Protein backbone atom coordinates (compact mmCIF):
# COMPACT_ATOMS: atom_id res chain seq x y z
CA MET A 1 -15.09 -10.32 -18.91
CA THR A 2 -15.07 -6.88 -17.36
CA VAL A 3 -11.58 -7.04 -16.15
CA PHE A 4 -10.32 -8.45 -19.45
CA VAL A 5 -12.06 -5.60 -21.43
CA LEU A 6 -10.77 -3.02 -18.91
CA MET A 7 -7.26 -3.84 -18.92
CA LEU A 8 -7.08 -4.40 -22.66
CA LEU A 9 -8.45 -0.76 -23.33
CA LEU A 10 -6.57 0.66 -20.56
CA GLN A 11 -3.21 0.03 -22.39
CA PRO A 12 -3.74 2.30 -25.44
CA VAL A 13 -5.31 4.94 -23.49
CA LEU A 14 -2.48 5.10 -20.79
CA ALA A 15 -0.08 5.13 -23.86
CA VAL A 16 -1.98 8.02 -25.64
CA LEU A 17 -2.14 9.87 -22.17
CA VAL A 18 1.56 9.57 -21.67
CA TRP A 19 2.39 10.64 -25.28
CA ARG A 20 0.14 13.63 -24.99
CA LEU A 21 1.97 14.81 -21.52
CA ALA A 22 5.44 14.16 -22.68
CA ARG A 23 5.46 15.11 -26.37
CA HIS A 24 6.47 18.84 -25.85
CA ARG A 25 8.38 17.98 -22.59
CA PRO A 26 11.73 15.93 -23.26
CA ARG A 27 12.57 15.44 -19.52
CA LEU A 28 8.99 14.12 -18.60
CA ALA A 29 9.35 11.74 -21.55
CA VAL A 30 12.55 10.35 -20.27
CA GLY A 31 11.01 10.09 -16.80
CA PHE A 32 8.12 8.13 -18.09
CA MET A 33 10.38 5.75 -20.08
CA LEU A 34 12.59 5.40 -17.09
CA GLY A 35 9.23 4.70 -14.94
CA GLY A 36 7.87 2.40 -17.40
CA GLY A 37 11.04 0.49 -17.83
CA GLY A 38 11.50 0.27 -14.01
CA PHE A 39 8.08 -0.88 -13.37
CA VAL A 40 8.64 -3.64 -15.75
CA LEU A 41 11.94 -4.72 -14.30
CA LEU A 42 10.54 -4.61 -10.77
CA LEU A 43 7.87 -7.05 -11.81
CA ALA A 44 10.29 -9.23 -13.45
CA VAL A 45 12.08 -9.32 -10.04
CA LEU A 46 8.98 -10.17 -8.31
CA SER A 47 7.96 -12.88 -10.31
CA ASP A 48 10.67 -14.92 -8.48
CA ARG A 49 9.30 -13.51 -5.13
CA PRO A 50 5.48 -14.09 -4.77
CA ALA A 51 5.52 -13.31 -1.10
CA CYS A 52 6.99 -9.73 -1.62
CA GLU A 53 4.35 -9.46 -4.77
CA ALA A 54 1.71 -10.37 -2.48
CA ALA A 55 2.55 -7.61 0.04
CA LEU A 56 2.89 -5.00 -2.58
CA PHE A 57 -0.41 -5.86 -4.01
CA PRO A 58 -2.47 -7.11 -1.24
CA PHE A 59 -5.88 -7.43 -2.64
CA LEU A 60 -7.66 -10.75 -3.27
CA ASP A 61 -8.51 -10.40 -6.86
CA TYR A 62 -4.94 -9.31 -7.81
CA VAL A 63 -4.61 -12.32 -9.91
CA LYS A 64 -7.19 -11.19 -12.42
CA TYR A 65 -5.10 -8.13 -13.14
CA GLN A 66 -1.72 -9.70 -12.57
CA GLY A 67 -1.14 -10.81 -16.19
CA PHE A 68 -1.72 -7.46 -17.61
CA SER A 69 0.61 -5.50 -15.17
CA LEU A 70 3.64 -5.99 -17.42
CA TYR A 71 1.86 -4.64 -20.35
CA LEU A 72 0.77 -1.53 -18.40
CA GLY A 73 4.29 -0.75 -17.68
CA ALA A 74 5.08 -1.30 -21.37
CA ALA A 75 2.30 1.12 -22.22
CA VAL A 76 4.04 4.03 -20.23
CA PHE A 77 7.32 3.08 -22.05
CA PHE A 78 5.97 2.99 -25.35
CA GLY A 79 4.07 6.15 -24.95
CA ALA A 80 6.98 8.10 -23.84
CA THR A 81 9.13 6.42 -26.60
CA PHE A 82 6.57 7.62 -29.12
CA ALA A 83 6.71 11.22 -28.02
CA ARG A 84 10.56 11.25 -28.46
CA LEU A 85 10.74 10.02 -32.17
CA ALA A 86 11.19 12.47 -34.92
CA THR A 87 10.27 10.65 -38.03
CA ARG A 88 7.02 9.29 -39.00
CA LEU A 89 8.52 5.84 -40.07
CA ASP A 90 9.84 5.26 -36.53
CA ARG A 91 6.62 6.29 -34.85
CA THR A 92 4.72 3.97 -37.20
CA ALA A 93 7.00 1.05 -36.28
CA ILE A 94 6.45 1.67 -32.52
CA ALA A 95 2.80 2.07 -32.88
CA VAL A 96 2.63 -1.28 -34.80
CA LEU A 97 5.06 -2.88 -32.20
CA PHE A 98 2.81 -1.57 -29.47
CA LEU A 99 -0.45 -2.68 -31.01
CA THR A 100 0.81 -6.10 -31.45
CA LEU A 101 1.82 -6.10 -27.75
CA VAL A 102 -1.72 -5.11 -26.63
CA LEU A 103 -3.07 -8.09 -28.83
CA TYR A 104 -0.68 -10.50 -27.19
CA SER A 105 -1.65 -9.23 -23.75
CA GLY A 106 -5.33 -10.16 -24.54
CA LEU A 107 -4.19 -13.65 -25.85
CA ALA A 108 -2.08 -14.30 -22.93
CA ASN A 109 -5.05 -13.55 -20.55
CA ARG A 110 -7.87 -14.98 -22.61
CA TRP A 111 -8.51 -17.31 -19.82
CA LEU A 112 -10.59 -14.46 -18.09
CA LEU A 113 -13.02 -14.85 -20.62
CA VAL A 114 -13.70 -18.44 -19.99
CA GLY A 115 -16.67 -19.13 -17.55
CA GLU A 116 -16.17 -23.07 -17.71
CA LEU A 117 -15.73 -24.76 -14.23
CA TYR A 118 -13.20 -27.63 -14.41
CA GLY A 119 -12.53 -30.65 -12.12
CA SER A 120 -14.92 -33.15 -10.70
CA GLU A 121 -17.48 -32.92 -7.71
CA THR A 122 -15.19 -35.06 -5.66
CA PHE A 123 -14.44 -34.31 -2.01
CA ALA A 124 -11.36 -35.39 0.18
CA ASP A 125 -11.65 -39.08 0.94
CA ALA A 126 -11.03 -40.89 4.53
CA ASN A 127 -7.39 -40.03 4.36
CA LEU A 128 -8.32 -36.41 3.63
CA HIS A 129 -6.68 -36.93 0.16
CA CYS A 130 -8.09 -35.82 -3.34
CA GLN A 131 -7.06 -37.04 -6.62
CA GLU A 132 -6.77 -34.66 -9.42
CA SER A 133 -9.37 -35.41 -12.30
CA THR A 134 -7.36 -33.62 -15.02
CA ILE A 135 -3.77 -32.73 -15.56
CA TYR A 136 -4.42 -29.00 -14.82
CA THR A 137 -6.54 -29.53 -11.58
CA CYS A 138 -3.80 -30.36 -9.37
CA GLY A 139 -4.07 -26.95 -7.48
CA PRO A 140 -7.55 -27.25 -6.69
CA ALA A 141 -7.25 -30.89 -5.71
CA ALA A 142 -4.20 -30.00 -3.28
CA CYS A 143 -6.46 -27.10 -1.94
CA VAL A 144 -9.14 -29.60 -1.15
CA ALA A 145 -6.85 -31.81 0.95
CA ALA A 146 -5.28 -28.88 2.76
CA LEU A 147 -8.88 -27.62 3.43
CA ALA A 148 -9.93 -30.95 4.74
CA HIS A 149 -7.19 -30.88 7.43
CA CYS A 150 -8.93 -27.50 8.49
CA GLY A 151 -12.25 -29.25 8.67
CA VAL A 152 -13.53 -27.64 5.48
CA ARG A 153 -15.37 -29.83 3.20
CA VAL A 154 -15.16 -28.67 -0.55
CA THR A 155 -15.04 -30.45 -3.90
CA GLU A 156 -12.33 -30.12 -6.56
CA ARG A 157 -14.61 -28.37 -8.95
CA GLN A 158 -15.58 -25.70 -6.16
CA MET A 159 -12.06 -24.83 -5.53
CA ALA A 160 -11.25 -24.83 -9.39
CA GLY A 161 -13.84 -21.97 -9.48
CA LEU A 162 -12.40 -20.25 -6.30
CA CYS A 163 -8.87 -20.34 -7.67
CA LEU A 164 -10.09 -19.26 -11.19
CA THR A 165 -8.37 -22.53 -12.62
CA ASN A 166 -8.04 -22.83 -16.37
CA PRO A 167 -6.37 -25.12 -18.89
CA THR A 168 -3.20 -23.59 -18.53
CA GLY A 169 -3.14 -24.55 -14.76
CA THR A 170 -3.44 -22.81 -11.30
CA GLY A 171 -0.64 -20.46 -10.10
CA ILE A 172 0.15 -19.63 -6.69
CA PHE A 173 -1.90 -16.38 -6.46
CA ASN A 174 -4.74 -18.54 -7.83
CA VAL A 175 -4.31 -20.97 -4.95
CA TYR A 176 -4.07 -18.02 -2.56
CA ARG A 177 -7.23 -16.64 -3.80
CA GLY A 178 -9.16 -19.63 -3.67
CA VAL A 179 -7.88 -21.07 -0.30
CA THR A 180 -8.62 -17.37 1.14
CA LEU A 181 -12.24 -17.50 -0.13
CA ALA A 182 -12.85 -21.23 1.08
CA LEU A 183 -11.60 -20.31 4.68
CA GLN A 184 -14.00 -17.36 5.01
CA GLY A 185 -16.14 -17.56 8.20
CA THR A 186 -13.75 -20.37 9.60
CA ALA A 187 -11.24 -20.43 12.32
CA TYR A 188 -8.40 -20.44 9.79
CA HIS A 189 -7.02 -18.07 7.20
CA ALA A 190 -4.59 -18.15 4.32
CA ALA A 191 -1.03 -16.60 4.26
CA LEU A 192 1.35 -16.52 1.30
CA ARG A 193 4.76 -16.83 2.83
CA ASP A 194 8.41 -17.55 2.10
CA PRO A 195 9.79 -19.11 5.14
CA PRO A 196 12.60 -21.56 5.08
CA VAL A 197 11.94 -25.18 4.09
CA GLU A 198 12.25 -26.33 7.67
CA ALA A 199 8.97 -24.57 8.63
CA LEU A 200 7.19 -26.95 6.57
CA LEU A 201 8.15 -29.80 9.11
CA ALA A 202 6.46 -27.99 12.04
CA LYS A 203 3.94 -30.10 13.49
CA GLY A 204 0.44 -29.28 12.41
CA SER A 205 1.51 -26.76 9.63
CA ILE A 206 -0.70 -26.95 6.74
CA ALA A 207 0.76 -25.57 3.18
CA VAL A 208 0.02 -25.76 -0.54
CA LEU A 209 3.19 -25.80 -2.37
CA CYS A 210 3.20 -24.87 -6.13
CA LEU A 211 6.10 -26.79 -7.53
CA PRO A 212 7.19 -26.30 -11.46
CA GLY A 213 4.20 -27.70 -13.16
CA HIS A 214 2.47 -29.27 -10.19
CA ALA A 215 0.94 -28.51 -6.77
CA ILE A 216 0.85 -30.74 -3.57
CA THR A 217 -0.18 -30.23 -0.10
CA VAL A 218 2.09 -30.91 2.88
CA VAL A 219 1.35 -31.37 6.45
CA GLY A 220 4.09 -31.04 9.09
CA GLU A 221 4.66 -33.93 11.39
CA GLY A 222 7.82 -32.87 13.24
CA ASP A 223 10.58 -34.90 11.31
CA GLN A 224 8.59 -35.30 8.19
CA VAL A 225 5.79 -34.22 6.13
CA LEU A 226 2.52 -36.03 5.12
CA VAL A 227 2.36 -35.35 1.30
CA HIS A 228 -0.91 -35.09 -0.53
CA ASP A 229 0.27 -35.45 -4.17
CA PRO A 230 -3.01 -35.32 -6.46
CA SER A 231 -1.36 -37.55 -8.87
CA ALA A 232 -1.05 -40.17 -6.40
CA LEU A 233 -3.68 -42.54 -5.11
CA ALA A 234 -2.94 -41.86 -1.49
CA PRO A 235 -0.97 -39.61 0.79
CA GLY A 236 2.68 -40.36 1.46
CA HIS A 237 5.55 -39.16 3.58
CA TRP A 238 8.68 -37.24 2.66
CA GLY A 239 11.72 -36.18 4.78
CA LEU A 240 13.61 -33.10 4.80
CA GLU A 241 16.02 -33.86 2.02
CA LEU A 242 13.43 -34.75 -0.58
CA LEU A 243 11.34 -31.57 0.54
CA ARG A 244 14.33 -29.51 0.09
CA LYS A 245 14.80 -30.70 -3.46
CA VAL A 246 11.29 -29.63 -4.59
CA TYR A 247 10.55 -26.41 -2.33
CA THR A 248 10.47 -23.45 -4.41
CA GLY A 249 10.58 -21.20 -1.44
CA THR A 250 7.04 -20.00 -1.15
CA ALA A 251 3.85 -21.55 -0.14
CA VAL A 252 0.22 -20.84 0.77
CA PHE A 253 -0.21 -21.73 4.60
CA LEU A 254 -3.51 -22.46 6.15
CA GLU A 255 -3.13 -20.90 9.72
CA PRO A 256 -5.48 -20.48 12.66
CA ARG A 257 -6.77 -16.86 12.91
CA PRO A 258 -5.14 -14.73 15.50
CA ARG A 259 -7.28 -14.30 18.54
């Protein structure tokens, strides 16, 4: 709730601040416009490079602010644009467009207001496998299986809470947050990395993959991977070719802590 309200209010405050700074300084206004637009463009590029995004914003709760970051860049751009417009009609149009964008940012991030926990009180089974209990808890279920391989026993519901899972699903930054928290005080840690697909085959490697619309855990066995697909009844095996077809280039690895 606090983050939601803060980020929602920060947008008009930021836009007004930029407007006040730039309204009598044309060059500064142009600079703000380029800066705001450039930040939005940077986020668009990073959306396909989660590992780089994680390196630039390396704090655990970044996922709570991530959905608003694009709109903050837009607030700077709109504030500077407002300062450069000469007619009242143009300023009114930009103000209405900006306020509409603020409202949409709240709608897009409304999951922050939901305090409900999802998933079931299911642990990993004897095969270290966990089936998803809903169509949007594949991420937490995949995490349960991955953590079981590290000797950490958690339920799907516990992981849904740590991952901040909601009915829209569980993104890779949500998975990274949840696994990091679940591994605290253990011999393992989480790392969001983008290695080549062959790295997933390394014997003993454990990784959670966020595929388009789904999440799985893979455990390297040398020439193949053990696959924990939460939609399946039991784990299976994939070779390199099948893995190559689904791998998006980024994964959350569960690795031994450096000594």
